[in-house]
Protein backbone atom coordinates (compact mmCIF):
# COMPACT_ATOMS: atom_id res chain seq x y z
CA UNK A 1 109.74 66.41 131.97
CA UNK A 2 109.10 69.85 130.26
CA UNK A 3 106.20 70.56 128.21
CA UNK A 4 105.05 73.39 126.68
CA UNK A 5 101.34 73.72 124.65
CA UNK A 6 100.47 76.81 123.17
CA UNK A 7 97.41 78.73 123.97
CA UNK A 8 93.63 78.93 121.95
CA UNK A 9 93.06 75.09 122.67
CA UNK A 10 89.90 73.58 123.29
CA UNK A 11 88.82 70.73 125.08
CA UNK A 12 85.60 69.15 125.76
CA UNK A 13 83.87 66.24 128.24
CA UNK A 14 80.73 64.88 128.22
CA UNK A 15 78.54 65.51 131.17
CA UNK A 16 77.80 63.84 134.24
CA UNK A 17 74.44 63.03 132.97
CA UNK A 18 75.74 61.46 129.94
CA UNK A 19 78.16 58.94 131.83
CA UNK A 20 75.51 57.88 133.99
CA UNK A 21 73.19 56.83 130.68
CA UNK A 22 76.23 55.30 129.11
CA UNK A 23 77.20 53.20 132.67
CA UNK A 24 73.31 52.31 132.81
CA UNK A 25 73.45 50.61 129.57
CA UNK A 26 76.92 49.28 129.75
CA UNK A 27 77.04 46.07 132.12
CA UNK A 28 80.19 46.48 132.97
CA UNK A 29 82.62 47.00 136.72
CA UNK A 30 83.78 50.28 135.64
CA UNK A 31 83.58 52.47 138.52
CA UNK A 32 84.26 55.57 136.21
CA UNK A 33 84.79 56.28 132.80
CA UNK A 34 86.35 59.36 131.08
CA UNK A 35 85.74 60.35 127.68
CA UNK A 36 87.28 63.50 126.72
CA UNK A 37 88.94 65.19 122.98
CA UNK A 38 91.12 68.14 122.95
CA UNK A 39 91.74 70.55 119.71
CA UNK A 40 95.10 71.92 120.11
CA UNK A 41 96.50 74.58 117.84
CA UNK A 42 100.06 74.35 118.08
CA UNK A 43 101.98 72.79 120.60
CA UNK A 44 105.43 71.69 121.49
CA UNK A 45 106.75 69.01 124.02
CA UNK A 46 110.01 68.39 125.28
CA UNK A 47 111.71 65.46 127.07
CA UNK A 48 114.58 66.75 128.90
CA UNK A 49 116.53 69.35 131.41
CA UNK A 50 119.73 70.82 132.27
CA UNK A 51 121.34 67.98 133.58
CA UNK A 52 121.01 66.07 130.11
CA UNK A 53 123.24 67.24 127.18
CA UNK A 54 120.26 66.44 124.46
CA UNK A 55 116.50 67.47 124.97
CA UNK A 56 113.98 65.52 122.57
CA UNK A 57 111.53 68.18 121.17
CA UNK A 58 108.29 67.52 119.45
CA UNK A 59 106.44 70.59 117.93
CA UNK A 60 103.13 70.22 116.12
CA UNK A 61 100.32 71.68 114.55
CA UNK A 62 96.74 71.58 114.71
CA UNK A 63 96.50 68.42 117.02
CA UNK A 64 93.28 66.69 117.69
CA UNK A 65 93.34 63.72 120.65
CA UNK A 66 90.55 61.60 121.86
CA UNK A 67 91.33 60.02 125.15
CA UNK A 68 88.38 57.73 126.23
CA UNK A 69 88.46 53.62 128.12
CA UNK A 70 85.96 50.89 127.04
CA UNK A 71 85.54 47.25 128.09
CA UNK A 72 88.40 45.38 127.76
CA UNK A 73 89.65 42.55 125.61
CA UNK A 74 90.70 40.45 128.26
CA UNK A 75 88.87 39.19 130.99
CA UNK A 76 91.75 39.47 133.18
CA UNK A 77 92.19 43.43 132.62
CA UNK A 78 89.62 45.71 134.27
CA UNK A 79 89.53 48.47 131.25
CA UNK A 80 91.41 49.69 128.10
CA UNK A 81 92.50 53.23 127.50
CA UNK A 82 92.32 54.40 124.23
CA UNK A 83 94.32 57.26 122.55
CA UNK A 84 93.14 58.59 118.72
CA UNK A 85 94.29 61.76 117.47
CA UNK A 86 95.64 63.29 114.27
CA UNK A 87 98.64 65.81 114.26
CA UNK A 88 100.11 68.30 111.25
CA UNK A 89 103.93 68.76 110.68
CA UNK A 90 105.31 67.03 113.02
CA UNK A 91 109.05 67.17 113.51
CA UNK A 92 110.94 64.85 116.23
CA UNK A 93 114.54 66.80 116.96
CA UNK A 94 117.35 66.22 119.62
CA UNK A 95 118.21 69.42 120.70
CA UNK A 96 121.30 70.89 122.96
CA UNK A 97 120.01 71.54 126.21
CA UNK A 98 120.39 75.05 127.39
CA UNK A 99 122.39 75.85 130.58
CA UNK A 100 123.55 71.99 130.57
CA UNK A 101 126.00 72.24 133.09
CA UNK A 102 128.01 68.77 132.42
CA UNK A 103 131.24 68.66 130.37
CA UNK A 104 131.50 67.77 126.89
CA UNK A 105 134.51 66.04 126.90
CA UNK A 106 133.89 63.78 130.68
CA UNK A 107 130.58 62.59 129.95
CA UNK A 108 131.79 58.80 129.00
CA UNK A 109 133.68 59.34 132.42
CA UNK A 110 131.34 60.45 134.59
CA UNK A 111 128.79 58.29 133.50
CA UNK A 112 130.67 55.03 134.17
CA UNK A 113 131.87 56.51 138.02
CA UNK A 114 128.03 57.67 138.82
CA UNK A 115 126.18 54.28 136.71
CA UNK A 116 128.65 51.80 136.50
CA UNK A 117 127.62 49.01 133.84
CA UNK A 118 126.25 46.03 136.23
CA UNK A 119 128.25 42.94 135.39
CA UNK A 120 126.48 40.32 136.85
CA UNK A 121 125.16 37.74 134.47
CA UNK A 122 121.06 38.23 133.92
CA UNK A 123 118.54 36.05 135.32
CA UNK A 124 116.28 33.77 133.60
CA UNK A 125 112.79 35.27 133.90
CA UNK A 126 110.38 33.13 136.04
CA UNK A 127 107.18 31.97 134.77
CA UNK A 128 104.24 34.04 136.94
CA UNK A 129 102.60 31.95 139.40
CA UNK A 130 98.87 32.13 139.56
CA UNK A 131 97.78 35.34 142.03
CA UNK A 132 100.45 37.10 140.74
CA UNK A 133 100.77 40.33 138.75
CA UNK A 134 101.29 39.12 135.09
CA UNK A 135 104.21 39.73 133.02
CA UNK A 136 105.19 42.03 130.67
CA UNK A 137 106.52 40.10 127.27
CA UNK A 138 107.53 42.67 125.18
CA UNK A 139 107.17 46.30 124.31
CA UNK A 140 105.79 46.37 120.49
CA UNK A 141 105.40 49.82 118.87
CA UNK A 142 104.35 50.06 114.84
CA UNK A 143 104.38 53.14 113.33
CA UNK A 144 102.54 53.54 110.07
CA UNK A 145 103.02 56.16 106.93
CA UNK A 146 99.59 57.05 105.74
CA UNK A 147 101.16 60.16 103.48
CA UNK A 148 104.00 61.17 102.17
CA UNK A 149 107.01 61.53 104.53
CA UNK A 150 110.70 62.78 104.79
CA UNK A 151 112.90 61.27 107.37
CA UNK A 152 116.45 63.61 107.62
CA UNK A 153 119.36 61.90 108.74
CA UNK A 154 121.55 64.70 110.54
CA UNK A 155 125.85 64.69 110.97
CA UNK A 156 128.27 66.86 111.20
CA UNK A 157 131.81 67.21 110.30
CA UNK A 158 133.80 70.81 111.32
CA UNK A 159 131.06 72.75 112.85
CA UNK A 160 129.03 72.06 109.50
CA UNK A 161 125.61 70.38 109.03
CA UNK A 162 125.40 67.18 106.47
CA UNK A 163 122.16 65.43 105.80
CA UNK A 164 120.69 62.29 104.30
CA UNK A 165 116.81 63.13 102.83
CA UNK A 166 114.70 59.88 102.79
CA UNK A 167 111.74 60.53 101.29
CA UNK A 168 109.01 58.09 101.67
CA UNK A 169 105.47 57.33 100.07
CA UNK A 170 102.23 56.28 101.87
CA UNK A 171 101.95 53.06 103.00
CA UNK A 172 105.33 52.70 104.51
CA UNK A 173 106.09 51.58 108.40
CA UNK A 174 108.02 50.77 111.42
CA UNK A 175 107.84 47.74 114.01
CA UNK A 176 110.07 47.43 117.34
CA UNK A 177 109.88 44.65 119.64
CA UNK A 178 111.81 45.17 122.70
CA UNK A 179 111.93 41.75 124.52
CA UNK A 180 110.86 42.70 128.50
CA UNK A 181 112.12 38.90 130.00
CA UNK A 182 115.17 36.92 129.52
CA UNK A 183 115.57 33.41 128.29
CA UNK A 184 118.54 31.22 128.50
CA UNK A 185 120.40 32.76 125.92
CA UNK A 186 119.67 36.22 126.71
CA UNK A 187 117.04 38.40 124.79
CA UNK A 188 117.02 39.75 121.05
CA UNK A 189 114.97 42.71 120.00
CA UNK A 190 114.25 43.15 116.19
CA UNK A 191 113.34 46.16 114.03
CA UNK A 192 111.29 45.93 111.05
CA UNK A 193 109.81 47.78 108.54
CA UNK A 194 108.92 48.89 104.79
CA UNK A 195 109.99 52.14 102.68
CA UNK A 196 107.66 52.29 99.73
CA UNK A 197 108.62 55.00 96.44
CA UNK A 198 112.09 55.72 98.36
CA UNK A 199 113.91 58.30 96.96
CA UNK A 200 117.13 59.61 98.40
CA UNK A 201 119.53 62.42 98.49
CA UNK A 202 122.36 63.62 100.01
CA UNK A 203 123.49 67.21 101.11
CA UNK A 204 126.57 66.67 98.59
CA UNK A 205 126.66 69.07 95.35
CA UNK A 206 126.18 65.84 93.76
CA UNK A 207 122.71 65.21 95.05
CA UNK A 208 121.41 62.04 93.67
CA UNK A 209 121.54 58.59 95.46
CA UNK A 210 119.67 56.24 95.78
CA UNK A 211 115.59 55.40 94.07
CA UNK A 212 113.78 52.49 94.72
CA UNK A 213 110.14 50.93 94.27
CA UNK A 214 110.18 49.32 97.70
CA UNK A 215 113.07 48.82 100.14
CA UNK A 216 112.11 46.47 103.45
CA UNK A 217 114.70 45.61 106.33
CA UNK A 218 114.97 43.51 109.35
CA UNK A 219 117.54 44.09 112.17
CA UNK A 220 118.04 41.53 114.96
CA UNK A 221 120.05 42.26 117.83
CA UNK A 222 121.10 39.64 119.86
CA UNK A 223 122.14 40.24 124.22
CA UNK A 224 123.52 37.13 125.90
CA UNK A 225 123.15 36.88 129.47
CA UNK A 226 126.94 37.46 130.33
CA UNK A 227 127.75 40.80 129.34
CA UNK A 228 131.24 39.74 127.18
CA UNK A 229 129.64 36.89 125.50
CA UNK A 230 129.92 37.30 121.56
CA UNK A 231 127.11 39.25 120.06
CA UNK A 232 125.82 38.50 116.91
CA UNK A 233 124.02 41.38 115.25
CA UNK A 234 122.05 40.63 111.75
CA UNK A 235 120.92 43.10 109.06
CA UNK A 236 118.42 42.14 106.24
CA UNK A 237 117.69 44.69 102.98
CA UNK A 238 115.91 43.85 100.52
CA UNK A 239 115.46 46.27 97.45
CA UNK A 240 112.91 46.35 94.60
CA UNK A 241 113.32 47.99 91.74
CA UNK A 242 116.28 50.01 92.76
CA UNK A 243 118.66 52.64 91.26
CA UNK A 244 121.48 53.60 92.75
CA UNK A 245 123.92 56.53 91.89
CA UNK A 246 127.47 55.71 92.66
CA UNK A 247 130.93 58.37 93.08
CA UNK A 248 133.87 58.08 94.66
CA UNK A 249 133.02 61.52 96.83
CA UNK A 250 130.40 59.16 98.81
CA UNK A 251 132.58 56.99 100.61
CA UNK A 252 134.46 59.83 102.35
CA UNK A 253 130.76 60.99 102.93
CA UNK A 254 129.31 57.53 104.59
CA UNK A 255 132.92 57.25 106.72
CA UNK A 256 132.09 60.88 108.21
CA UNK A 257 128.74 60.13 109.26
CA UNK A 258 129.75 56.85 110.73
CA UNK A 259 132.41 58.87 112.57
CA UNK A 260 130.15 61.25 113.82
CA UNK A 261 127.75 58.80 115.21
CA UNK A 262 130.25 56.45 117.20
CA UNK A 263 131.05 57.02 120.04
CA UNK A 264 134.23 59.00 120.35
CA UNK A 265 135.37 57.98 123.63
CA UNK A 266 138.97 55.71 124.46
CA UNK A 267 138.97 51.92 124.04
CA UNK A 268 138.58 50.47 127.42
CA UNK A 269 139.61 46.75 127.79
CA UNK A 270 137.38 46.69 130.90
CA UNK A 271 133.86 47.29 128.95
CA UNK A 272 134.95 45.72 125.50
CA UNK A 273 132.14 43.28 124.34
CA UNK A 274 133.06 41.38 120.89
CA UNK A 275 130.60 41.00 118.36
CA UNK A 276 129.99 41.18 114.43
CA UNK A 277 127.49 42.47 112.11
CA UNK A 278 125.96 40.22 109.56
CA UNK A 279 124.42 42.32 106.38
CA UNK A 280 122.46 40.57 103.57
CA UNK A 281 121.26 42.98 101.16
CA UNK A 282 119.04 41.58 98.05
CA UNK A 283 118.47 43.50 95.16
CA UNK A 284 115.41 42.62 92.24
CA UNK A 285 115.95 44.13 89.36
CA UNK A 286 118.62 46.49 89.71
CA UNK A 287 120.59 49.33 88.15
CA UNK A 288 124.00 50.63 89.23
CA UNK A 289 125.48 53.91 87.41
CA UNK A 290 128.58 55.45 87.73
CA UNK A 291 130.06 58.81 86.85
CA UNK A 292 132.88 58.38 84.05
CA UNK A 293 133.65 61.64 83.20
CA UNK A 294 136.93 62.35 82.20
CA UNK A 295 139.65 63.30 84.61
CA UNK A 296 136.66 61.88 87.34
CA UNK A 297 135.10 65.52 87.07
CA UNK A 298 131.32 65.69 87.94
CA UNK A 299 128.99 67.97 86.32
CA UNK A 300 126.51 69.31 89.53
CA UNK A 301 126.54 73.25 88.61
CA UNK A 302 122.99 73.07 86.55
CA UNK A 303 120.56 71.57 86.69
CA UNK A 304 120.94 70.17 82.83
CA UNK A 305 124.05 68.48 83.98
CA UNK A 306 126.46 66.72 80.94
CA UNK A 307 127.81 63.81 82.30
CA UNK A 308 129.12 60.31 81.20
CA UNK A 309 127.67 57.30 83.35
CA UNK A 310 128.28 53.65 83.31
CA UNK A 311 125.74 51.56 84.00
CA UNK A 312 125.30 48.02 85.19
CA UNK A 313 121.86 46.36 85.45
CA UNK A 314 120.38 42.85 86.14
CA UNK A 315 117.72 40.89 87.55
CA UNK A 316 118.97 39.38 90.99
CA UNK A 317 122.23 40.75 92.92
CA UNK A 318 122.76 39.08 96.11
CA UNK A 319 125.26 40.88 98.93
CA UNK A 320 126.88 39.24 101.79
CA UNK A 321 129.35 39.94 104.25
CA UNK A 322 130.35 40.62 107.72
CA UNK A 323 131.82 43.12 109.98
CA UNK A 324 133.43 41.37 112.69
CA UNK A 325 134.38 43.41 115.68
CA UNK A 326 135.84 40.72 117.75
CA UNK A 327 139.38 41.58 118.37
CA UNK A 328 139.94 44.62 120.96
CA UNK A 329 142.07 47.61 118.60
CA UNK A 330 142.83 45.09 116.16
CA UNK A 331 145.93 46.64 113.44
CA UNK A 332 143.64 45.20 110.86
CA UNK A 333 139.94 44.24 109.84
CA UNK A 334 139.61 42.03 107.50
CA UNK A 335 136.20 41.38 105.50
CA UNK A 336 135.22 39.24 103.13
CA UNK A 337 132.60 40.55 100.46
CA UNK A 338 130.41 37.76 98.65
CA UNK A 339 128.63 38.70 95.28
CA UNK A 340 126.35 36.43 93.64
CA UNK A 341 124.63 37.89 90.36
CA UNK A 342 122.01 35.10 88.56
CA UNK A 343 123.23 33.75 85.60
CA UNK A 344 122.35 35.25 82.17
CA UNK A 345 120.19 38.11 83.37
CA UNK A 346 123.09 40.61 83.92
CA UNK A 347 122.71 43.12 80.83
CA UNK A 348 126.04 44.47 79.37
CA UNK A 349 127.48 47.89 80.41
CA UNK A 350 126.58 50.48 78.31
CA UNK A 351 127.55 54.39 78.26
CA UNK A 352 124.81 57.30 78.10
CA UNK A 353 124.60 61.18 77.80
CA UNK A 354 122.46 62.98 79.76
């Protein structure tokens, strides 16, 4: 791990007398308490080295951090660490590591050779007995967005960078729960969150993609105790007051994104794990807009576009489908989609000009 912090930083710590007064006022078993603050005008943190293909970099400006310890909430603990702070203009990116010595085309082979997978069944975690250290049940992470933010999903095709820009409003949050124990059925990490005032655009010439008042999602992963047992992953998405703009070129756009993010290693029967993705998407007060120009021509060269649109509106739309990956290199993959619309609430299709 490498860390770089710019100059012109200030740090303040209380005097020894102030700490002595604090210890006398508070009846605790602390031997020493640390309280300090730091003010950094600009900085960068880098996690990685030249042995890894990618390095995680975080750039920030005007950071103010405060570290302190206080009496714990549980009588079994000795003390509690607290770190509070604020950072501005934060950017987190994965960048290629300089002087990387690995082989780009043989990373999977090297990884499997030096770090082979453990094919033994996972053991059920036993409950801790009195006198033994406590067990960590799960790792929980919650991120609250208190100001307008932008999330960029990047991918490349033919050495050209493409992106999906997701603008979200204040009040959005993300929660991640990763169990640290193994039960009879394995363990199940979860990811859920809520995005407010969503405005999504793409790097295509026709940039408009999705607008929604609120988007909630919940992803549940499944890891059985046996490594090659079938896995069932679930994804539930709920969207309120959504407007989706669709053109056929988006099909190739999202296909390129999946190909860039997916692994390009050759299929291996010895490491194949069958799994399936179950999607449930629910729209409340939705509107879907299609470009319906003659000869499939979409005008996007000027801000005042002259296009013909076809729109479908409704109160509720429920879409259920499953992506099965249960066979090893199948010739075809069959997927069944289920669409349910509340009866009597779908408005007639209409045409309008912009």
